[in-house]
Structure formats: C-alpha cells, structure tokens
PDB file of N, CA and C in Angstrom:
ATOM      1  N   MET A   1      48.586  26.907  44.643  1.00  0.00           N
ATOM      2  CA  MET A   1      48.912  25.779  45.755  1.00  0.00           C
ATOM      3  C   MET A   1      49.653  26.200  47.369  1.00  0.00           C
ATOM      4  N   ASN A   2      49.892  26.912  47.934  1.00  0.00           N
ATOM      5  CA  ASN A   2      50.103  28.104  48.726  1.00  0.00           C
ATOM      6  C   ASN A   2      49.457  28.456  49.570  1.00  0.00           C
ATOM      7  N   SER A   3      48.235  28.421  48.587  1.00  0.00           N
ATOM      8  CA  SER A   3      46.995  29.719  49.472  1.00  0.00           C
ATOM      9  C   SER A   3      46.364  29.194  49.443  1.00  0.00           C
ATOM     10  N   ASN A   4      46.285  27.424  49.039  1.00  0.00           N
ATOM     11  CA  ASN A   4      45.076  26.585  49.943  1.00  0.00           C
ATOM     12  C   ASN A   4      45.755  26.055  51.399  1.00  0.00           C
ATOM     13  N   ILE A   5      46.871  25.955  51.314  1.00  0.00           N
ATOM     14  CA  ILE A   5      47.212  25.541  52.358  1.00  0.00           C
ATOM     15  C   ILE A   5      47.524  26.930  53.577  1.00  0.00           C
ATOM     16  N   VAL A   6      47.030  27.927  52.911  1.00  0.00           N
ATOM     17  CA  VAL A   6      46.986  29.152  53.944  1.00  0.00           C
ATOM     18  C   VAL A   6      45.733  28.794  54.495  1.00  0.00           C
ATOM     19  N   ASN A   7      44.990  28.402  53.463  1.00  0.00           N
ATOM     20  CA  ASN A   7      42.763  28.976  53.390  1.00  0.00           C
ATOM     21  C   ASN A   7      42.512  28.117  54.269  1.00  0.00           C
ATOM     22  N   GLU A   8      43.032  26.465  54.302  1.00  0.00           N
ATOM     23  CA  GLU A   8      43.099  25.077  55.175  1.00  0.00           C
ATOM     24  C   GLU A   8      43.768  25.621  56.873  1.00  0.00           C
ATOM     25  N   VAL A   9      44.343  26.575  57.099  1.00  0.00           N
ATOM     26  CA  VAL A   9      44.841  26.603  58.421  1.00  0.00           C
ATOM     27  C   VAL A   9      44.167  27.652  58.561  1.00  0.00           C
ATOM     28  N   THR A  10      44.003  28.812  57.848  1.00  0.00           N
ATOM     29  CA  THR A  10      43.432  29.478  58.593  1.00  0.00           C
ATOM     30  C   THR A  10      41.486  29.578  58.366  1.00  0.00           C
ATOM     31  N   ALA A  11      40.755  28.767  58.488  1.00  0.00           N
ATOM     32  CA  ALA A  11      40.044  28.373  58.116  1.00  0.00           C
ATOM     33  C   ALA A  11      39.332  27.511  59.772  1.00  0.00           C
ATOM     34  N   SER A  12      41.254  26.867  59.700  1.00  0.00           N
ATOM     35  CA  SER A  12      40.577  25.954  60.742  1.00  0.00           C
ATOM     36  C   SER A  12      40.602  26.709  62.513  1.00  0.00           C
ATOM     37  N   GLN A  13      41.209  27.547  62.394  1.00  0.00           N
ATOM     38  CA  GLN A  13      41.492  29.583  63.197  1.00  0.00           C
ATOM     39  C   GLN A  13      40.125  30.344  63.807  1.00  0.00           C
ATOM     40  N   LEU A  14      38.970  29.964  62.178  1.00  0.00           N
ATOM     41  CA  LEU A  14      38.350  31.444  62.478  1.00  0.00           C
ATOM     42  C   LEU A  14      37.497  30.451  63.847  1.00  0.00           C
ATOM     43  N   LYS A  15      36.828  31.607  64.433  1.00  0.00           N
ATOM     44  CA  LYS A  15      35.630  31.685  65.469  1.00  0.00           C
ATOM     45  C   LYS A  15      34.188  31.655  64.262  1.00  0.00           C
ATOM     46  N   SER A  16      33.512  30.659  64.842  1.00  0.00           N
ATOM     47  CA  SER A  16      32.093  30.524  64.346  1.00  0.00           C
ATOM     48  C   SER A  16      30.973  31.041  64.843  1.00  0.00           C
ATOM     49  N   ASP A  17      31.391  31.451  66.537  1.00  0.00           N
ATOM     50  CA  ASP A  17      30.477  31.731  67.519  1.00  0.00           C
ATOM     51  C   ASP A  17      30.374  33.362  67.441  1.00  0.00           C
ATOM     52  N   ILE A  18      30.558  34.521  66.790  1.00  0.00           N
ATOM     53  CA  ILE A  18      31.171  35.700  67.181  1.00  0.00           C
ATOM     54  C   ILE A  18      29.288  36.112  67.053  1.00  0.00           C
ATOM     55  N   ILE A  19      28.882  37.076  68.008  1.00  0.00           N
ATOM     56  CA  ILE A  19      27.897  37.269  67.981  1.00  0.00           C
ATOM     57  C   ILE A  19      27.927  38.727  66.820  1.00  0.00           C
ATOM     58  N   ASP A  20      26.617  39.209  66.333  1.00  0.00           N
ATOM     59  CA  ASP A  20      26.864  39.994  64.940  1.00  0.00           C
ATOM     60  C   ASP A  20      27.338  40.965  65.911  1.00  0.00           C
ATOM     61  N   PHE A  21      27.206  41.983  65.622  1.00  0.00           N
ATOM     62  CA  PHE A  21      26.781  43.721  65.911  1.00  0.00           C
ATOM     63  C   PHE A  21      27.375  44.585  64.775  1.00  0.00           C
ATOM     64  N   SER A  22      27.326  45.987  65.319  1.00  0.00           N
ATOM     65  CA  SER A  22      27.748  47.083  63.529  1.00  0.00           C
ATOM     66  C   SER A  22      28.188  48.420  63.579  1.00  0.00           C
ATOM     67  N   SER A  23      27.760  49.128  63.434  1.00  0.00           N
ATOM     68  CA  SER A  23      28.731  50.452  63.770  1.00  0.00           C
ATOM     69  C   SER A  23      27.304  50.928  64.296  1.00  0.00           C
ATOM     70  N   GLY A  24      27.784  51.470  65.664  1.00  0.00           N
ATOM     71  CA  GLY A  24      27.163  52.666  67.225  1.00  0.00           C
ATOM     72  C   GLY A  24      27.215  50.887  67.843  1.00  0.00           C
ATOM     73  N   ASP A  25      26.718  50.152  67.863  1.00  0.00           N
ATOM     74  CA  ASP A  25      26.445  49.455  69.592  1.00  0.00           C
ATOM     75  C   ASP A  25      28.259  49.528  70.071  1.00  0.00           C
ATOM     76  N   THR A  26      27.993  49.366  71.648  1.00  0.00           N
ATOM     77  CA  THR A  26      29.080  49.660  72.807  1.00  0.00           C
ATOM     78  C   THR A  26      29.540  47.668  72.583  1.00  0.00           C
ATOM     79  N   VAL A  27      30.387  47.503  72.124  1.00  0.00           N
ATOM     80  CA  VAL A  27      31.567  46.164  73.473  1.00  0.00           C
ATOM     81  C   VAL A  27      32.320  46.258  73.749  1.00  0.00           C
ATOM     82  N   LYS A  28      32.514  45.090  74.574  1.00  0.00           N
ATOM     83  CA  LYS A  28      33.979  45.372  75.553  1.00  0.00           C
ATOM     84  C   LYS A  28      34.375  44.182  75.345  1.00  0.00           C
ATOM     85  N   VAL A  29      36.389  43.989  74.836  1.00  0.00           N
ATOM     86  CA  VAL A  29      36.921  43.083  73.956  1.00  0.00           C
ATOM     87  C   VAL A  29      37.849  43.348  75.288  1.00  0.00           C
ATOM     88  N   PHE A  30      38.503  41.763  75.312  1.00  0.00           N
ATOM     89  CA  PHE A  30      39.074  41.266  76.049  1.00  0.00           C
ATOM     90  C   PHE A  30      40.579  41.094  76.150  1.00  0.00           C
ATOM     91  N   VAL A  31      41.770  40.827  76.443  1.00  0.00           N
ATOM     92  CA  VAL A  31      43.089  40.989  75.735  1.00  0.00           C
ATOM     93  C   VAL A  31      43.720  39.999  76.610  1.00  0.00           C
ATOM     94  N   ARG A  32      44.302  38.926  76.097  1.00  0.00           N
ATOM     95  CA  ARG A  32      45.252  38.347  77.379  1.00  0.00           C
ATOM     96  C   ARG A  32      46.622  38.888  77.007  1.00  0.00           C
ATOM     97  N   ILE A  33      46.995  39.664  78.475  1.00  0.00           N
ATOM     98  CA  ILE A  33      48.138  40.489  78.109  1.00  0.00           C
ATOM     99  C   ILE A  33      48.440  39.136  79.536  1.00  0.00           C
ATOM    100  N   ILE A  34      50.398  39.440  78.971  1.00  0.00           N
ATOM    101  CA  ILE A  34      51.717  38.649  79.947  1.00  0.00           C
ATOM    102  C   ILE A  34      52.584  39.276  80.020  1.00  0.00           C
ATOM    103  N   GLU A  35      52.753  39.249  81.044  1.00  0.00           N
ATOM    104  CA  GLU A  35      54.266  39.810  81.763  1.00  0.00           C
ATOM    105  C   GLU A  35      54.781  38.966  82.756  1.00  0.00           C
ATOM    106  N   ASN A  36      55.815  39.179  82.532  1.00  0.00           N
ATOM    107  CA  ASN A  36      56.908  37.979  83.467  1.00  0.00           C
ATOM    108  C   ASN A  36      56.404  36.741  82.845  1.00  0.00           C
ATOM    109  N   LYS A  37      55.919  36.255  83.726  1.00  0.00           N
ATOM    110  CA  LYS A  37      55.345  35.323  84.546  1.00  0.00           C
ATOM    111  C   LYS A  37      53.434  35.343  84.570  1.00  0.00           C
ATOM    112  N   LYS A  38      53.109  36.291  84.560  1.00  0.00           N
ATOM    113  CA  LYS A  38      52.468  36.026  85.246  1.00  0.00           C
ATOM    114  C   LYS A  38      50.962  37.006  83.675  1.00  0.00           C
ATOM    115  N   GLU A  39      49.981  36.306  83.593  1.00  0.00           N
ATOM    116  CA  GLU A  39      48.792  35.909  82.451  1.00  0.00           C
ATOM    117  C   GLU A  39      47.872  36.945  83.589  1.00  0.00           C
ATOM    118  N   ARG A  40      46.559  37.974  82.280  1.00  0.00           N
ATOM    119  CA  ARG A  40      46.108  38.664  83.160  1.00  0.00           C
ATOM    120  C   ARG A  40      45.171  39.430  81.874  1.00  0.00           C
ATOM    121  N   LEU A  41      43.973  39.174  82.038  1.00  0.00           N
ATOM    122  CA  LEU A  41      42.557  40.196  80.965  1.00  0.00           C
ATOM    123  C   LEU A  41      42.875  41.518  81.395  1.00  0.00           C
ATOM    124  N   GLN A  42      42.790  42.116  80.060  1.00  0.00           N
ATOM    125  CA  GLN A  42      42.719  43.355  79.851  1.00  0.00           C
ATOM    126  C   GLN A  42      41.760  43.637  79.087  1.00  0.00           C
ATOM    127  N   ALA A  43      40.169  44.464  80.064  1.00  0.00           N
ATOM    128  CA  ALA A  43      39.108  44.541  79.263  1.00  0.00           C
ATOM    129  C   ALA A  43      38.709  45.919  78.686  1.00  0.00           C
ATOM    130  N   PHE A  44      38.302  46.720  77.597  1.00  0.00           N
ATOM    131  CA  PHE A  44      38.246  47.269  76.710  1.00  0.00           C
ATOM    132  C   PHE A  44      37.048  47.831  76.306  1.00  0.00           C
ATOM    133  N   GLU A  45      36.177  48.836  76.268  1.00  0.00           N
ATOM    134  CA  GLU A  45      34.811  49.130  76.076  1.00  0.00           C
ATOM    135  C   GLU A  45      35.270  50.625  75.249  1.00  0.00           C
ATOM    136  N   GLY A  46      34.172  50.248  74.795  1.00  0.00           N
ATOM    137  CA  GLY A  46      33.208  51.717  73.283  1.00  0.00           C
ATOM    138  C   GLY A  46      32.821  51.088  72.398  1.00  0.00           C
ATOM    139  N   VAL A  47      32.456  52.385  71.474  1.00  0.00           N
ATOM    140  CA  VAL A  47      31.705  52.539  70.380  1.00  0.00           C
ATOM    141  C   VAL A  47      32.481  52.003  69.312  1.00  0.00           C
ATOM    142  N   VAL A  48      31.890  50.929  68.302  1.00  0.00           N
ATOM    143  CA  VAL A  48      32.225  50.439  67.537  1.00  0.00           C
ATOM    144  C   VAL A  48      31.897  51.961  65.973  1.00  0.00           C
ATOM    145  N   MET A  49      32.980  52.006  65.645  1.00  0.00           N
ATOM    146  CA  MET A  49      32.821  53.172  64.842  1.00  0.00           C
ATOM    147  C   MET A  49      32.693  52.633  62.773  1.00  0.00           C
ATOM    148  N   GLN A  50      33.465  51.659  62.962  1.00  0.00           N
ATOM    149  CA  GLN A  50      33.221  51.324  61.155  1.00  0.00           C
ATOM    150  C   GLN A  50      33.703  49.518  61.569  1.00  0.00           C
ATOM    151  N   ARG A  51      33.174  48.812  60.358  1.00  0.00           N
ATOM    152  CA  ARG A  51      33.526  47.730  60.687  1.00  0.00           C
ATOM    153  C   ARG A  51      34.573  47.861  59.298  1.00  0.00           C
ATOM    154  N   ARG A  52      35.623  46.705  58.992  1.00  0.00           N
ATOM    155  CA  ARG A  52      36.169  46.894  57.807  1.00  0.00           C
ATOM    156  C   ARG A  52      36.841  45.058  57.494  1.00  0.00           C
ATOM    157  N   GLY A  53      36.347  44.503  56.171  1.00  0.00           N
ATOM    158  CA  GLY A  53      37.358  43.482  56.068  1.00  0.00           C
ATOM    159  C   GLY A  53      36.447  42.715  56.028  1.00  0.00           C
ATOM    160  N   SER A  54      34.904  42.507  56.790  1.00  0.00           N
ATOM    161  CA  SER A  54      33.463  41.501  56.641  1.00  0.00           C
ATOM    162  C   SER A  54      32.614  41.566  56.219  1.00  0.00           C
TER     163      SER A  54
END
C-alpha cells in the first residue's frame, strides 16, 4: 500500500527527456544554489566515470 503511493508520487516527478549518456562522456551539470535571498546557477563540468542505479 505505502509503496504504491510512493511509486505514484515518484513517477510524476521523474523527467522523461533526459539525454542518454555513458561512462567516458563529458557532461555539464547546473546546480541551483540559494544564498540568503539570492539564487544562482553553478555549473560543474566533468567526465562520467560510472553510472549506478539504472
């Protein structure tokens, strides 16, 4: 019962337009950082070493 509710909520929040990537690819990830009342995007770029979980 509880797992069904969790799965429904989680499924509605998953993105379906994620680009396929694998280990060895270079990716750039943007993270939203909130400091006090200001908000900014911080970019991180690097090489994918390993994918886990899916």
